[in-house]
């Protein structure tokens, strides 16, 4: 693992262990007060952030 090679530690963030991990990052602007944040997520909820990407 690269962290061991460079004698570094992983402190936090989105981590996963498995044969495949895919991530998509989109940058843009959202009107004030309209941003959907992960802090507002609830168990069993549906992530609909993509509605702003259209």
N, C-alpha and C. Protein backbone atom coordinates (compact mmCIF):
# COMPACT_ATOMS: atom_id res chain seq x y z
N UNK A 1 0.84 -1.17 0.00
CA UNK A 1 0.00 0.00 0.00
C UNK A 1 0.90 1.24 0.00
N UNK A 2 0.50 2.25 -0.73
CA UNK A 2 1.32 3.47 -0.83
C UNK A 2 1.53 4.15 0.51
N UNK A 3 0.55 4.06 1.39
CA UNK A 3 0.71 4.69 2.70
C UNK A 3 1.90 4.09 3.44
N UNK A 4 2.05 2.78 3.38
CA UNK A 4 3.18 2.13 4.03
C UNK A 4 4.49 2.51 3.35
N UNK A 5 4.49 2.56 2.04
CA UNK A 5 5.70 2.88 1.29
C UNK A 5 6.24 4.26 1.68
N UNK A 6 5.34 5.23 1.84
CA UNK A 6 5.76 6.59 2.19
C UNK A 6 5.66 6.87 3.68
N UNK A 7 5.41 5.83 4.49
CA UNK A 7 5.30 5.95 5.95
C UNK A 7 4.29 7.04 6.33
N UNK A 8 3.08 6.93 5.77
CA UNK A 8 2.02 7.89 6.03
C UNK A 8 0.83 7.18 6.66
N UNK A 9 -0.10 7.96 7.24
CA UNK A 9 -1.32 7.43 7.83
C UNK A 9 -2.53 8.03 7.14
N UNK A 10 -3.58 7.23 7.02
CA UNK A 10 -4.86 7.72 6.50
C UNK A 10 -5.70 8.14 7.70
N UNK A 11 -6.02 9.42 7.77
CA UNK A 11 -6.72 9.95 8.94
C UNK A 11 -8.24 9.85 8.81
N UNK A 12 -8.79 10.11 7.63
CA UNK A 12 -10.24 10.07 7.48
C UNK A 12 -10.64 10.19 6.02
N UNK A 13 -11.92 10.34 5.78
CA UNK A 13 -12.42 10.47 4.42
C UNK A 13 -13.26 9.27 4.03
N UNK A 14 -13.56 9.17 2.76
CA UNK A 14 -14.34 8.04 2.26
C UNK A 14 -13.38 6.89 1.96
N UNK A 15 -13.48 5.83 2.72
CA UNK A 15 -12.57 4.69 2.54
C UNK A 15 -13.39 3.44 2.24
N UNK A 16 -12.78 2.53 1.51
CA UNK A 16 -13.43 1.27 1.18
C UNK A 16 -12.36 0.20 0.96
N UNK A 17 -12.73 -1.03 1.18
CA UNK A 17 -11.82 -2.14 0.91
C UNK A 17 -12.56 -3.12 0.04
N UNK A 18 -12.02 -3.42 -1.10
CA UNK A 18 -12.66 -4.34 -2.01
C UNK A 18 -11.96 -4.35 -3.35
N UNK A 19 -12.45 -5.15 -4.29
CA UNK A 19 -11.78 -5.28 -5.58
C UNK A 19 -11.95 -4.06 -6.48
N UNK A 20 -12.98 -3.23 -6.22
CA UNK A 20 -13.23 -2.08 -7.09
C UNK A 20 -13.85 -0.95 -6.30
N UNK A 21 -13.37 0.23 -6.55
CA UNK A 21 -13.94 1.43 -5.94
C UNK A 21 -14.02 2.50 -7.00
N UNK A 22 -15.19 3.09 -7.20
CA UNK A 22 -15.36 4.14 -8.20
C UNK A 22 -15.89 5.39 -7.51
N UNK A 23 -15.36 6.52 -7.89
CA UNK A 23 -15.77 7.80 -7.32
C UNK A 23 -15.97 8.80 -8.43
N UNK A 24 -16.99 9.61 -8.30
CA UNK A 24 -17.27 10.67 -9.26
C UNK A 24 -17.36 11.98 -8.50
N UNK A 25 -16.60 12.95 -8.92
CA UNK A 25 -16.66 14.27 -8.30
C UNK A 25 -17.16 15.29 -9.30
N UNK A 26 -18.12 16.10 -8.87
CA UNK A 26 -18.67 17.14 -9.73
C UNK A 26 -18.57 18.46 -8.97
N UNK A 27 -18.07 19.46 -9.64
CA UNK A 27 -17.93 20.78 -9.02
C UNK A 27 -18.86 21.76 -9.72
N UNK A 28 -19.42 22.66 -8.97
CA UNK A 28 -20.30 23.66 -9.56
C UNK A 28 -20.79 24.61 -8.48
N UNK A 29 -21.84 25.33 -8.79
CA UNK A 29 -22.39 26.31 -7.86
C UNK A 29 -23.84 25.97 -7.55
N UNK A 30 -24.24 26.18 -6.31
CA UNK A 30 -25.60 25.94 -5.85
C UNK A 30 -26.09 27.23 -5.20
N UNK A 31 -27.33 27.63 -5.47
CA UNK A 31 -27.85 28.84 -4.83
C UNK A 31 -27.78 28.74 -3.30
N UNK A 32 -27.59 29.84 -2.61
CA UNK A 32 -27.52 29.82 -1.14
C UNK A 32 -28.74 29.13 -0.53
N UNK A 33 -28.47 28.25 0.43
CA UNK A 33 -29.53 27.54 1.12
C UNK A 33 -30.09 26.33 0.39
N UNK A 34 -29.59 26.01 -0.80
CA UNK A 34 -30.12 24.89 -1.59
C UNK A 34 -29.20 23.67 -1.60
N UNK A 35 -28.04 23.76 -1.01
CA UNK A 35 -27.08 22.65 -1.04
C UNK A 35 -27.60 21.47 -0.22
N UNK A 36 -27.50 20.27 -0.77
CA UNK A 36 -27.82 19.05 -0.04
C UNK A 36 -26.53 18.49 0.52
N UNK A 37 -26.51 18.25 1.83
CA UNK A 37 -25.29 17.80 2.49
C UNK A 37 -25.49 16.41 3.07
N UNK A 38 -24.39 15.68 3.19
CA UNK A 38 -24.46 14.35 3.79
C UNK A 38 -24.88 14.43 5.25
N UNK A 39 -24.62 15.55 5.91
CA UNK A 39 -24.99 15.68 7.32
C UNK A 39 -26.50 15.62 7.52
N UNK A 40 -27.28 15.87 6.46
CA UNK A 40 -28.73 15.80 6.54
C UNK A 40 -29.30 14.44 6.16
N UNK A 41 -28.43 13.48 5.89
CA UNK A 41 -28.89 12.14 5.47
C UNK A 41 -29.52 11.40 6.65
N UNK A 42 -30.51 10.56 6.32
CA UNK A 42 -31.18 9.74 7.33
C UNK A 42 -31.14 8.28 6.88
N UNK A 43 -31.12 7.34 7.82
CA UNK A 43 -31.11 5.92 7.44
C UNK A 43 -32.30 5.59 6.53
N UNK A 44 -32.02 4.89 5.44
CA UNK A 44 -33.06 4.52 4.49
C UNK A 44 -33.41 5.61 3.51
N UNK A 45 -32.77 6.76 3.62
CA UNK A 45 -33.05 7.88 2.73
C UNK A 45 -32.43 7.66 1.35
N UNK A 46 -32.86 8.45 0.40
CA UNK A 46 -32.37 8.37 -0.97
C UNK A 46 -31.55 9.62 -1.28
N UNK A 47 -30.37 9.44 -1.83
CA UNK A 47 -29.49 10.56 -2.17
C UNK A 47 -29.90 11.09 -3.54
N UNK A 48 -30.45 12.28 -3.59
CA UNK A 48 -30.93 12.86 -4.85
C UNK A 48 -30.12 14.07 -5.28
N UNK A 49 -28.86 14.12 -4.90
CA UNK A 49 -28.05 15.28 -5.28
C UNK A 49 -27.92 15.44 -6.78
N UNK A 50 -28.13 14.38 -7.55
CA UNK A 50 -27.95 14.48 -8.99
C UNK A 50 -29.01 15.36 -9.65
N UNK A 51 -30.10 15.70 -8.97
CA UNK A 51 -31.12 16.54 -9.60
C UNK A 51 -30.59 17.93 -9.93
N UNK A 52 -29.52 18.36 -9.26
CA UNK A 52 -28.93 19.67 -9.56
C UNK A 52 -27.93 19.60 -10.70
N UNK A 53 -27.58 18.40 -11.13
CA UNK A 53 -26.56 18.25 -12.17
C UNK A 53 -27.16 18.29 -13.57
N UNK A 54 -28.44 18.45 -13.69
CA UNK A 54 -29.09 18.44 -15.01
C UNK A 54 -29.02 19.79 -15.68
